[in-house]
């Protein structure tokens, strides 16, 4: 049974779109679900999100980014995710802890063992039931980012940084094949959604 479902991928991969489409599908079929995001989901976590994505504070130390992410995540789990799951509501999250490993670990170069220690201390064994990694050609993704207008500090990073993130996500998926399902993001929205539904029906 897949009750906690997360979506991951580089900027512009289409994960947010697929998370929303899945939530709409559940709603239309009278399946109780909520759509949330990381960092974010609660008042405190949304404030932390503003700090993490803003350019107002200059370059934030990568280790500080990790600690802020896990502070937001802990609040998110305690106040929103766990209560929903305990109430029999499916939770769909646009990003979760895999993004911290991909962005701050593979992207920023923080030792993965350090992130694992923080992760274990804060989350213990808590994890999504299934994660969909939307993998897409990096050039297509970056074109999408430019077209959507609004951008955060991570959107503005160079192609090399985004390639590290993409490679990082694929390595994380390779290490967690039982949880992470890689989806070809170069397909149409409809084809991707159908593949996701077929996986959830298994």
N, C-alpha and C. Protein backbone atom coordinates (compact mmCIF):
# COMPACT_ATOMS: atom_id res chain seq x y z
N UNK A 1 0.85 -1.20 0.00
CA UNK A 1 0.00 0.00 0.00
C UNK A 1 0.89 1.25 0.00
N UNK A 2 0.68 2.11 -0.96
CA UNK A 2 1.47 3.33 -1.07
C UNK A 2 0.67 4.51 -0.50
N UNK A 3 1.01 4.91 0.70
CA UNK A 3 0.29 6.01 1.34
C UNK A 3 1.10 7.30 1.36
N UNK A 4 2.41 7.19 1.44
CA UNK A 4 3.27 8.37 1.41
C UNK A 4 4.08 8.32 0.12
N UNK A 5 3.74 9.21 -0.81
CA UNK A 5 4.31 9.22 -2.15
C UNK A 5 5.09 10.50 -2.38
N UNK A 6 6.32 10.38 -2.82
CA UNK A 6 7.12 11.59 -3.07
C UNK A 6 7.58 11.64 -4.52
N UNK A 7 7.82 12.87 -4.98
CA UNK A 7 8.32 13.11 -6.33
C UNK A 7 9.65 13.86 -6.24
N UNK A 8 10.62 13.41 -7.03
CA UNK A 8 11.94 14.02 -7.02
C UNK A 8 12.44 14.25 -8.44
N UNK A 9 13.47 15.08 -8.56
CA UNK A 9 14.09 15.34 -9.85
C UNK A 9 14.70 16.72 -9.90
N UNK A 10 15.41 16.99 -10.98
CA UNK A 10 16.04 18.30 -11.13
C UNK A 10 14.98 19.36 -11.42
N UNK A 11 15.40 20.64 -11.34
CA UNK A 11 14.50 21.73 -11.67
C UNK A 11 13.99 21.56 -13.10
N UNK A 12 12.70 21.76 -13.31
CA UNK A 12 12.14 21.69 -14.65
C UNK A 12 11.85 20.29 -15.16
N UNK A 13 11.94 19.28 -14.29
CA UNK A 13 11.73 17.90 -14.75
C UNK A 13 10.25 17.54 -14.90
N UNK A 14 9.36 18.31 -14.26
CA UNK A 14 7.94 18.03 -14.34
C UNK A 14 7.37 17.34 -13.13
N UNK A 15 8.16 17.21 -12.06
CA UNK A 15 7.70 16.52 -10.86
C UNK A 15 6.52 17.22 -10.19
N UNK A 16 6.56 18.56 -10.13
CA UNK A 16 5.47 19.30 -9.49
C UNK A 16 4.17 19.12 -10.26
N UNK A 17 4.27 19.10 -11.58
CA UNK A 17 3.10 18.87 -12.43
C UNK A 17 2.52 17.49 -12.18
N UNK A 18 3.39 16.48 -12.12
CA UNK A 18 2.91 15.11 -11.90
C UNK A 18 2.34 14.91 -10.50
N UNK A 19 2.91 15.58 -9.53
CA UNK A 19 2.38 15.50 -8.16
C UNK A 19 0.95 16.06 -8.12
N UNK A 20 0.74 17.18 -8.80
CA UNK A 20 -0.58 17.80 -8.85
C UNK A 20 -1.57 16.94 -9.62
N UNK A 21 -1.13 16.38 -10.75
CA UNK A 21 -2.01 15.52 -11.55
C UNK A 21 -2.45 14.31 -10.73
N UNK A 22 -1.52 13.72 -9.97
CA UNK A 22 -1.85 12.57 -9.14
C UNK A 22 -2.85 12.96 -8.05
N UNK A 23 -2.63 14.11 -7.44
CA UNK A 23 -3.55 14.58 -6.41
C UNK A 23 -4.94 14.80 -6.99
N UNK A 24 -5.01 15.39 -8.17
CA UNK A 24 -6.30 15.60 -8.85
C UNK A 24 -6.98 14.27 -9.14
N UNK A 25 -6.19 13.28 -9.54
CA UNK A 25 -6.73 11.95 -9.83
C UNK A 25 -7.34 11.34 -8.56
N UNK A 26 -6.61 11.42 -7.46
CA UNK A 26 -7.13 10.89 -6.19
C UNK A 26 -8.42 11.60 -5.80
N UNK A 27 -8.44 12.91 -5.93
CA UNK A 27 -9.62 13.70 -5.57
C UNK A 27 -10.83 13.28 -6.40
N UNK A 28 -10.64 13.14 -7.71
CA UNK A 28 -11.73 12.76 -8.61
C UNK A 28 -12.26 11.36 -8.31
N UNK A 29 -11.39 10.52 -7.75
CA UNK A 29 -11.78 9.14 -7.44
C UNK A 29 -12.10 8.94 -5.96
N UNK A 30 -12.35 10.04 -5.27
CA UNK A 30 -12.76 10.01 -3.85
C UNK A 30 -11.77 9.28 -2.96
N UNK A 31 -10.49 9.46 -3.27
CA UNK A 31 -9.42 8.91 -2.43
C UNK A 31 -8.85 10.07 -1.62
N UNK A 32 -8.93 9.98 -0.31
CA UNK A 32 -8.44 11.07 0.54
C UNK A 32 -6.94 11.26 0.36
N UNK A 33 -6.54 12.50 0.04
CA UNK A 33 -5.12 12.78 -0.15
C UNK A 33 -4.84 14.25 0.06
N UNK A 34 -3.61 14.56 0.37
CA UNK A 34 -3.16 15.95 0.45
C UNK A 34 -1.91 16.09 -0.40
N UNK A 35 -1.72 17.30 -0.94
CA UNK A 35 -0.53 17.61 -1.73
C UNK A 35 0.29 18.63 -0.95
N UNK A 36 1.55 18.31 -0.72
CA UNK A 36 2.41 19.21 0.03
C UNK A 36 3.76 19.33 -0.68
N UNK A 37 4.70 20.04 -0.08
CA UNK A 37 6.00 20.23 -0.73
C UNK A 37 7.10 20.40 0.30
N UNK A 38 8.34 20.25 -0.18
CA UNK A 38 9.50 20.49 0.68
C UNK A 38 10.52 21.36 -0.05
N UNK A 39 11.22 22.21 0.70
CA UNK A 39 10.85 22.55 2.07
C UNK A 39 9.50 23.28 2.08
N UNK A 40 8.74 23.07 3.14
CA UNK A 40 7.44 23.69 3.24
C UNK A 40 6.41 22.75 3.85
N UNK A 41 5.15 23.11 3.69
CA UNK A 41 4.07 22.26 4.18
C UNK A 41 3.44 22.72 5.47
N UNK A 42 4.21 23.44 6.30
CA UNK A 42 3.68 24.03 7.54
C UNK A 42 4.13 25.49 7.58
N UNK A 43 3.56 26.26 8.49
CA UNK A 43 3.91 27.69 8.57
C UNK A 43 5.41 27.87 8.82
N UNK A 44 5.94 27.11 9.76
CA UNK A 44 7.37 27.22 10.07
C UNK A 44 8.21 26.78 8.87
N UNK A 45 7.85 25.65 8.28
CA UNK A 45 8.63 25.12 7.16
C UNK A 45 8.59 26.05 5.95
N UNK A 46 7.47 26.71 5.73
CA UNK A 46 7.37 27.65 4.61
C UNK A 46 8.28 28.87 4.83
N UNK A 47 8.40 29.30 6.08
CA UNK A 47 9.31 30.40 6.40
C UNK A 47 10.75 29.99 6.15
N UNK A 48 11.07 28.75 6.52
CA UNK A 48 12.42 28.24 6.27
C UNK A 48 12.67 28.13 4.77
N UNK A 49 11.63 27.75 4.02
CA UNK A 49 11.74 27.68 2.57
C UNK A 49 12.14 29.03 1.98
N UNK A 50 11.51 30.08 2.48
CA UNK A 50 11.83 31.43 2.01
C UNK A 50 13.31 31.74 2.22
N UNK A 51 13.84 31.36 3.38
CA UNK A 51 15.25 31.59 3.68
C UNK A 51 16.15 30.81 2.73
N UNK A 52 15.81 29.55 2.49
CA UNK A 52 16.65 28.68 1.68
C UNK A 52 16.69 29.07 0.20
N UNK A 53 15.58 29.58 -0.30
CA UNK A 53 15.49 29.89 -1.73
C UNK A 53 15.80 31.34 -2.07
N UNK A 54 15.95 32.17 -1.05
CA UNK A 54 16.16 33.60 -1.28
C UNK A 54 17.63 33.93 -1.57
N UNK A 55 17.82 34.99 -2.31
CA UNK A 55 19.17 35.51 -2.57
C UNK A 55 19.52 36.62 -1.59
N UNK A 56 18.61 36.95 -0.69
CA UNK A 56 18.77 38.11 0.19
C UNK A 56 19.90 37.97 1.20
N UNK A 57 20.32 36.74 1.46
CA UNK A 57 21.30 36.52 2.53
C UNK A 57 22.67 36.12 1.99
N UNK A 58 22.84 36.24 0.68
CA UNK A 58 24.11 35.84 0.10
C UNK A 58 24.21 34.33 0.08
N UNK A 59 25.40 33.83 -0.05
CA UNK A 59 25.64 32.38 -0.11
C UNK A 59 25.52 31.77 1.27
N UNK A 60 24.51 30.92 1.47
CA UNK A 60 24.31 30.23 2.75
C UNK A 60 25.22 29.00 2.77
N UNK A 61 25.89 28.80 3.88
CA UNK A 61 26.75 27.62 4.05
C UNK A 61 25.94 26.35 3.77
N UNK A 62 26.54 25.42 3.04
CA UNK A 62 25.85 24.19 2.65
C UNK A 62 25.39 23.39 3.87
N UNK A 63 26.20 23.37 4.92
CA UNK A 63 25.81 22.63 6.12
C UNK A 63 24.64 23.32 6.83
N UNK A 64 24.61 24.64 6.74
CA UNK A 64 23.47 25.38 7.29
C UNK A 64 22.21 25.04 6.51
N UNK A 65 22.35 24.92 5.18
CA UNK A 65 21.21 24.53 4.34
C UNK A 65 20.66 23.17 4.77
N UNK A 66 21.54 22.25 5.07
CA UNK A 66 21.12 20.91 5.49
C UNK A 66 20.34 20.99 6.80
N UNK A 67 20.88 21.73 7.77
CA UNK A 67 20.23 21.85 9.07
C UNK A 67 18.87 22.53 8.95
N UNK A 68 18.78 23.55 8.11
CA UNK A 68 17.51 24.24 7.89
C UNK A 68 16.50 23.31 7.24
N UNK A 69 16.96 22.52 6.27
CA UNK A 69 16.08 21.57 5.60
C UNK A 69 15.52 20.54 6.58
N UNK A 70 16.37 20.05 7.45
CA UNK A 70 15.89 19.03 8.39
C UNK A 70 15.03 19.62 9.50
N UNK A 71 15.26 20.87 9.86
CA UNK A 71 14.37 21.55 10.81
C UNK A 71 12.97 21.67 10.21
N UNK A 72 12.92 22.09 8.95
CA UNK A 72 11.64 22.21 8.24
C UNK A 72 10.98 20.85 8.09
N UNK A 73 11.79 19.85 7.76
CA UNK A 73 11.26 18.49 7.52
C UNK A 73 10.68 17.89 8.79
N UNK A 74 11.35 18.08 9.91
CA UNK A 74 10.86 17.56 11.17
C UNK A 74 9.50 18.15 11.51
N UNK A 75 9.35 19.47 11.32
CA UNK A 75 8.08 20.14 11.59
C UNK A 75 7.01 19.65 10.62
N UNK A 76 7.40 19.46 9.38
CA UNK A 76 6.50 18.99 8.32
C UNK A 76 5.93 17.62 8.67
N UNK A 77 6.80 16.71 9.10
CA UNK A 77 6.38 15.35 9.45
C UNK A 77 5.47 15.36 10.67
N UNK A 78 5.89 16.10 11.69
CA UNK A 78 5.15 16.10 12.96
C UNK A 78 3.76 16.74 12.82
N UNK A 79 3.68 17.85 12.11
CA UNK A 79 2.43 18.62 12.08
C UNK A 79 1.52 18.31 10.91
N UNK A 80 2.06 17.77 9.83
CA UNK A 80 1.22 17.53 8.65
C UNK A 80 1.24 16.09 8.16
N UNK A 81 2.43 15.57 7.87
CA UNK A 81 2.51 14.25 7.23
C UNK A 81 1.99 13.13 8.13
N UNK A 82 2.53 13.01 9.34
CA UNK A 82 2.10 11.93 10.22
C UNK A 82 0.62 12.00 10.59
N UNK A 83 0.10 13.19 10.96
CA UNK A 83 -1.34 13.26 11.27
C UNK A 83 -2.21 12.82 10.10
N UNK A 84 -1.81 13.19 8.89
CA UNK A 84 -2.59 12.80 7.70
C UNK A 84 -2.54 11.28 7.50
N UNK A 85 -1.36 10.70 7.59
CA UNK A 85 -1.22 9.25 7.41
C UNK A 85 -1.99 8.48 8.48
N UNK A 86 -1.94 8.96 9.70
CA UNK A 86 -2.66 8.30 10.79
C UNK A 86 -4.18 8.40 10.61
N UNK A 87 -4.60 9.39 9.82
CA UNK A 87 -6.03 9.59 9.55
C UNK A 87 -6.48 8.85 8.30
N UNK A 88 -5.58 8.08 7.72
CA UNK A 88 -5.92 7.32 6.52
C UNK A 88 -5.90 8.13 5.25
N UNK A 89 -5.19 9.26 5.27
CA UNK A 89 -5.08 10.14 4.10
C UNK A 89 -3.74 9.92 3.41
N UNK A 90 -3.78 9.77 2.10
CA UNK A 90 -2.54 9.64 1.34
C UNK A 90 -1.84 10.99 1.29
N UNK A 91 -0.52 10.96 1.36
CA UNK A 91 0.27 12.19 1.31
C UNK A 91 1.16 12.16 0.07
N UNK A 92 1.05 13.21 -0.75
CA UNK A 92 1.90 13.38 -1.93
C UNK A 92 2.80 14.58 -1.66
N UNK A 93 4.09 14.37 -1.71
CA UNK A 93 5.01 15.48 -1.44
C UNK A 93 5.92 15.76 -2.63
N UNK A 94 5.94 17.02 -3.03
CA UNK A 94 6.83 17.50 -4.08
C UNK A 94 8.19 17.75 -3.41
N UNK A 95 9.07 16.78 -3.51
CA UNK A 95 10.38 16.70 -2.88
C UNK A 95 10.27 16.18 -1.44
N UNK A 96 11.36 15.52 -1.02
CA UNK A 96 11.50 15.09 0.37
C UNK A 96 13.00 14.93 0.62
N UNK A 97 13.42 13.99 1.45
CA UNK A 97 14.82 13.99 1.87
C UNK A 97 15.83 13.65 0.78
N UNK A 98 15.39 12.97 -0.29
CA UNK A 98 16.34 12.66 -1.38
C UNK A 98 16.92 13.94 -1.97
N UNK A 99 16.13 15.01 -1.97
CA UNK A 99 16.62 16.28 -2.52
C UNK A 99 17.77 16.85 -1.71
N UNK A 100 17.75 16.65 -0.40
CA UNK A 100 18.85 17.15 0.42
C UNK A 100 20.15 16.42 0.08
N UNK A 101 20.06 15.11 -0.09
CA UNK A 101 21.25 14.34 -0.48
C UNK A 101 21.73 14.76 -1.87
N UNK A 102 20.78 15.00 -2.80
CA UNK A 102 21.16 15.36 -4.16
C UNK A 102 21.75 16.76 -4.24
N UNK A 103 21.07 17.73 -3.62
CA UNK A 103 21.50 19.13 -3.75
C UNK A 103 22.70 19.47 -2.86
N UNK A 104 22.58 19.19 -1.57
CA UNK A 104 23.68 19.56 -0.68
C UNK A 104 24.81 18.53 -0.69
N UNK A 105 24.47 17.27 -0.94
CA UNK A 105 25.50 16.24 -1.00
C UNK A 105 26.21 16.22 -2.34
N UNK A 106 25.52 15.74 -3.36
CA UNK A 106 26.14 15.63 -4.68
C UNK A 106 26.39 16.99 -5.32
N UNK A 107 25.46 17.94 -5.12
CA UNK A 107 25.60 19.25 -5.76
C UNK A 107 26.59 20.16 -5.07
N UNK A 108 26.45 20.30 -3.75
CA UNK A 108 27.31 21.21 -2.99
C UNK A 108 28.59 20.56 -2.49
N UNK A 109 28.62 19.23 -2.49
CA UNK A 109 29.85 18.54 -2.09
C UNK A 109 29.99 18.25 -0.61
N UNK A 110 28.89 18.35 0.15
CA UNK A 110 28.94 17.99 1.57
C UNK A 110 29.05 16.46 1.67
N UNK A 111 29.86 15.98 2.59
CA UNK A 111 30.04 14.54 2.75
C UNK A 111 28.70 13.85 3.02
N UNK A 112 28.42 12.82 2.25
CA UNK A 112 27.15 12.11 2.39
C UNK A 112 27.01 11.47 3.76
N UNK A 113 28.12 11.06 4.34
CA UNK A 113 28.07 10.43 5.67
C UNK A 113 27.57 11.42 6.72
N UNK A 114 27.93 12.69 6.57
CA UNK A 114 27.45 13.71 7.51
C UNK A 114 25.94 13.87 7.38
N UNK A 115 25.46 13.94 6.14
CA UNK A 115 24.01 14.08 5.93
C UNK A 115 23.28 12.85 6.48
N UNK A 116 23.86 11.67 6.29
CA UNK A 116 23.25 10.44 6.80
C UNK A 116 23.12 10.46 8.32
N UNK A 117 24.15 11.00 8.99
CA UNK A 117 24.12 11.07 10.45
C UNK A 117 23.00 12.00 10.93
N UNK A 118 22.90 13.17 10.29
CA UNK A 118 21.84 14.12 10.64
C UNK A 118 20.48 13.51 10.34
N UNK A 119 20.39 12.88 9.18
CA UNK A 119 19.14 12.23 8.76
C UNK A 119 18.69 11.19 9.78
N UNK A 120 19.60 10.33 10.18
CA UNK A 120 19.27 9.24 11.12
C UNK A 120 18.84 9.81 12.46
N UNK A 121 19.48 10.87 12.91
CA UNK A 121 19.15 11.48 14.20
C UNK A 121 17.75 12.11 14.17
N UNK A 122 17.40 12.75 13.08
CA UNK A 122 16.13 13.48 12.99
C UNK A 122 14.97 12.59 12.55
N UNK A 123 15.18 11.77 11.53
CA UNK A 123 14.07 11.01 10.94
C UNK A 123 14.02 9.55 11.35
N UNK A 124 15.10 9.04 11.96
CA UNK A 124 15.16 7.60 12.29
C UNK A 124 14.98 6.80 11.00
N UNK A 125 13.93 5.95 10.95
CA UNK A 125 13.71 5.12 9.76
C UNK A 125 12.53 5.61 8.92
N UNK A 126 12.04 6.81 9.21
CA UNK A 126 10.88 7.33 8.48
C UNK A 126 11.25 7.60 7.02
N UNK A 127 10.43 7.08 6.11
CA UNK A 127 10.71 7.24 4.67
C UNK A 127 9.42 7.10 3.88
N UNK A 128 9.40 7.61 2.65
CA UNK A 128 8.23 7.45 1.79
C UNK A 128 8.00 5.98 1.46
N UNK A 129 6.78 5.63 1.12
CA UNK A 129 6.49 4.26 0.67
C UNK A 129 7.01 4.07 -0.75
N UNK A 130 6.94 5.12 -1.54
CA UNK A 130 7.45 5.06 -2.91
C UNK A 130 7.85 6.47 -3.35
N UNK A 131 8.90 6.53 -4.16
CA UNK A 131 9.39 7.80 -4.69
C UNK A 131 9.50 7.70 -6.20
N UNK A 132 8.91 8.68 -6.89
CA UNK A 132 9.02 8.74 -8.34
C UNK A 132 10.08 9.77 -8.71
N UNK A 133 11.14 9.31 -9.35
CA UNK A 133 12.21 10.19 -9.81
C UNK A 133 11.96 10.47 -11.29
N UNK A 134 11.59 11.72 -11.59
CA UNK A 134 11.35 12.09 -12.98
C UNK A 134 12.69 12.47 -13.61
N UNK A 135 13.20 11.61 -14.46
CA UNK A 135 14.51 11.83 -15.09
C UNK A 135 14.31 12.38 -16.50
N UNK A 136 14.98 13.48 -16.79
CA UNK A 136 14.76 14.16 -18.06
C UNK A 136 16.07 14.70 -18.62
N UNK A 137 16.12 14.89 -19.92
CA UNK A 137 17.28 15.52 -20.55
C UNK A 137 17.50 16.89 -19.92
N UNK A 138 18.72 17.14 -19.49
CA UNK A 138 19.00 18.34 -18.72
C UNK A 138 18.78 19.62 -19.52
N UNK A 139 19.03 19.59 -20.81
CA UNK A 139 18.83 20.78 -21.64
C UNK A 139 17.34 21.13 -21.78
N UNK A 140 16.51 20.11 -21.89
CA UNK A 140 15.06 20.33 -21.95
C UNK A 140 14.58 20.92 -20.63
N UNK A 141 15.08 20.38 -19.53
CA UNK A 141 14.69 20.86 -18.20
C UNK A 141 15.06 22.33 -18.01
N UNK A 142 16.26 22.71 -18.43
CA UNK A 142 16.71 24.08 -18.25
C UNK A 142 15.92 25.06 -19.12
N UNK A 143 15.50 24.60 -20.29
CA UNK A 143 14.65 25.44 -21.15
C UNK A 143 13.31 25.69 -20.47
N UNK A 144 12.78 24.66 -19.83
CA UNK A 144 11.51 24.81 -19.11
C UNK A 144 11.65 25.81 -17.97
N UNK A 145 12.77 25.74 -17.27
CA UNK A 145 13.01 26.65 -16.15
C UNK A 145 12.99 28.10 -16.63
N UNK A 146 13.64 28.34 -17.75
CA UNK A 146 13.68 29.70 -18.30
C UNK A 146 12.31 30.18 -18.74
N UNK A 147 11.50 29.27 -19.30
CA UNK A 147 10.19 29.63 -19.81
C UNK A 147 9.19 29.96 -18.70
N UNK A 148 9.36 29.34 -17.52
CA UNK A 148 8.37 29.56 -16.47
C UNK A 148 8.52 30.92 -15.77
N UNK A 149 9.56 31.66 -16.10
CA UNK A 149 9.68 33.04 -15.61
C UNK A 149 10.27 33.14 -14.22
N UNK A 150 9.49 32.79 -13.21
CA UNK A 150 9.97 32.90 -11.83
C UNK A 150 11.14 31.95 -11.61
N UNK A 151 12.08 32.39 -10.79
CA UNK A 151 13.23 31.53 -10.52
C UNK A 151 13.74 31.75 -9.10
N UNK A 152 14.33 30.69 -8.54
CA UNK A 152 14.98 30.82 -7.23
C UNK A 152 16.48 30.67 -7.43
N UNK A 153 17.22 30.71 -6.34
CA UNK A 153 18.69 30.71 -6.48
C UNK A 153 19.22 29.41 -7.07
N UNK A 154 18.50 28.30 -6.87
CA UNK A 154 18.97 27.04 -7.44
C UNK A 154 18.71 26.98 -8.94
N UNK A 155 17.61 27.61 -9.38
CA UNK A 155 17.33 27.68 -10.82
C UNK A 155 18.45 28.38 -11.56
N UNK A 156 19.08 29.35 -10.89
CA UNK A 156 20.08 30.18 -11.54
C UNK A 156 21.47 29.56 -11.58
N UNK A 157 21.63 28.41 -10.95
CA UNK A 157 22.94 27.75 -10.94
C UNK A 157 23.28 27.25 -12.34
N UNK A 158 24.59 27.07 -12.61
CA UNK A 158 25.02 26.70 -13.96
C UNK A 158 24.70 25.23 -14.28
N UNK A 159 24.90 24.90 -15.55
CA UNK A 159 24.55 23.57 -16.05
C UNK A 159 25.33 22.47 -15.34
N UNK A 160 26.57 22.76 -15.00
CA UNK A 160 27.42 21.77 -14.30
C UNK A 160 26.80 21.38 -12.96
N UNK A 161 26.27 22.37 -12.24
CA UNK A 161 25.64 22.10 -10.95
C UNK A 161 24.42 21.20 -11.14
N UNK A 162 23.58 21.53 -12.11
CA UNK A 162 22.37 20.74 -12.35
C UNK A 162 22.70 19.34 -12.83
N UNK A 163 23.80 19.18 -13.55
CA UNK A 163 24.24 17.85 -13.97
C UNK A 163 24.65 17.02 -12.76
N UNK A 164 25.30 17.65 -11.80
CA UNK A 164 25.67 16.95 -10.56
C UNK A 164 24.42 16.48 -9.83
N UNK A 165 23.38 17.33 -9.82
CA UNK A 165 22.13 16.97 -9.15
C UNK A 165 21.50 15.78 -9.86
N UNK A 166 21.44 15.85 -11.18
CA UNK A 166 20.85 14.76 -11.97
C UNK A 166 21.59 13.45 -11.71
N UNK A 167 22.92 13.50 -11.76
CA UNK A 167 23.74 12.30 -11.50
C UNK A 167 23.52 11.80 -10.08
N UNK A 168 23.40 12.74 -9.15
CA UNK A 168 23.17 12.38 -7.75
C UNK A 168 21.86 11.64 -7.55
N UNK A 169 20.81 12.16 -8.15
CA UNK A 169 19.50 11.50 -8.04
C UNK A 169 19.55 10.08 -8.61
N UNK A 170 20.22 9.91 -9.74
CA UNK A 170 20.31 8.58 -10.35
C UNK A 170 21.11 7.62 -9.48
N UNK A 171 22.14 8.13 -8.80
CA UNK A 171 22.91 7.29 -7.89
C UNK A 171 22.07 6.91 -6.67
N UNK A 172 21.31 7.86 -6.16
CA UNK A 172 20.42 7.59 -5.02
C UNK A 172 19.40 6.52 -5.40
N UNK A 173 18.84 6.63 -6.62
CA UNK A 173 17.87 5.66 -7.09
C UNK A 173 18.50 4.27 -7.22
N UNK A 174 19.74 4.24 -7.71
CA UNK A 174 20.45 2.97 -7.86
C UNK A 174 20.66 2.30 -6.50
N UNK A 175 20.88 3.12 -5.47
CA UNK A 175 21.10 2.60 -4.12
C UNK A 175 19.81 2.23 -3.40
N UNK A 176 18.66 2.67 -3.95
CA UNK A 176 17.37 2.41 -3.30
C UNK A 176 16.34 1.92 -4.31
N UNK A 177 16.64 0.83 -5.01
CA UNK A 177 15.75 0.36 -6.08
C UNK A 177 14.38 -0.11 -5.60
N UNK A 178 14.30 -0.52 -4.33
CA UNK A 178 13.03 -1.01 -3.80
C UNK A 178 12.04 0.13 -3.53
N UNK A 179 12.55 1.35 -3.38
CA UNK A 179 11.67 2.50 -3.07
C UNK A 179 11.54 3.47 -4.24
N UNK A 180 12.60 3.67 -4.98
CA UNK A 180 12.60 4.72 -6.01
C UNK A 180 12.35 4.14 -7.40
N UNK A 181 11.33 4.68 -8.05
CA UNK A 181 10.97 4.29 -9.41
C UNK A 181 11.38 5.42 -10.36
N UNK A 182 12.26 5.12 -11.31
CA UNK A 182 12.71 6.12 -12.27
C UNK A 182 11.71 6.19 -13.42
N UNK A 183 11.24 7.40 -13.70
CA UNK A 183 10.28 7.64 -14.77
C UNK A 183 10.94 8.49 -15.85
N UNK A 184 10.74 8.12 -17.10
CA UNK A 184 11.30 8.88 -18.23
C UNK A 184 10.50 10.17 -18.39
N UNK A 185 11.11 11.29 -17.99
CA UNK A 185 10.43 12.58 -18.04
C UNK A 185 10.35 13.18 -19.43
N UNK A 186 10.95 12.53 -20.42
CA UNK A 186 10.89 13.02 -21.79
C UNK A 186 9.59 12.63 -22.48
N UNK A 187 8.80 11.76 -21.84
CA UNK A 187 7.50 11.35 -22.38
C UNK A 187 6.47 12.45 -22.14
N UNK A 188 5.28 12.28 -22.70
CA UNK A 188 4.21 13.26 -22.51
C UNK A 188 3.69 13.19 -21.07
N UNK A 189 3.03 14.27 -20.63
CA UNK A 189 2.46 14.31 -19.28
C UNK A 189 1.51 13.14 -19.06
N UNK A 190 0.72 12.84 -20.08
CA UNK A 190 -0.28 11.78 -19.97
C UNK A 190 0.39 10.40 -19.84
N UNK A 191 1.44 10.18 -20.62
CA UNK A 191 2.15 8.90 -20.55
C UNK A 191 2.82 8.71 -19.19
N UNK A 192 3.40 9.79 -18.67
CA UNK A 192 4.06 9.72 -17.36
C UNK A 192 3.04 9.42 -16.27
N UNK A 193 1.91 10.12 -16.32
CA UNK A 193 0.86 9.90 -15.32
C UNK A 193 0.38 8.46 -15.35
N UNK A 194 0.17 7.92 -16.55
CA UNK A 194 -0.31 6.54 -16.68
C UNK A 194 0.70 5.55 -16.12
N UNK A 195 1.99 5.82 -16.35
CA UNK A 195 3.04 4.93 -15.81
C UNK A 195 3.05 4.98 -14.29
N UNK A 196 2.83 6.18 -13.74
CA UNK A 196 2.78 6.32 -12.28
C UNK A 196 1.58 5.55 -11.72
N UNK A 197 0.42 5.68 -12.36
CA UNK A 197 -0.77 4.95 -11.89
C UNK A 197 -0.57 3.46 -11.97
N UNK A 198 0.03 2.99 -13.04
CA UNK A 198 0.28 1.55 -13.19
C UNK A 198 1.19 1.03 -12.09
N UNK A 199 2.16 1.84 -11.70
CA UNK A 199 3.07 1.44 -10.62
C UNK A 199 2.32 1.38 -9.29
N UNK A 200 1.47 2.36 -9.05
CA UNK A 200 0.72 2.42 -7.79
C UNK A 200 -0.31 1.32 -7.69
N UNK A 201 -0.77 0.80 -8.83
CA UNK A 201 -1.77 -0.27 -8.82
C UNK A 201 -1.14 -1.63 -8.50
N UNK A 202 0.17 -1.73 -8.63
CA UNK A 202 0.86 -3.00 -8.40
C UNK A 202 0.74 -3.46 -6.95
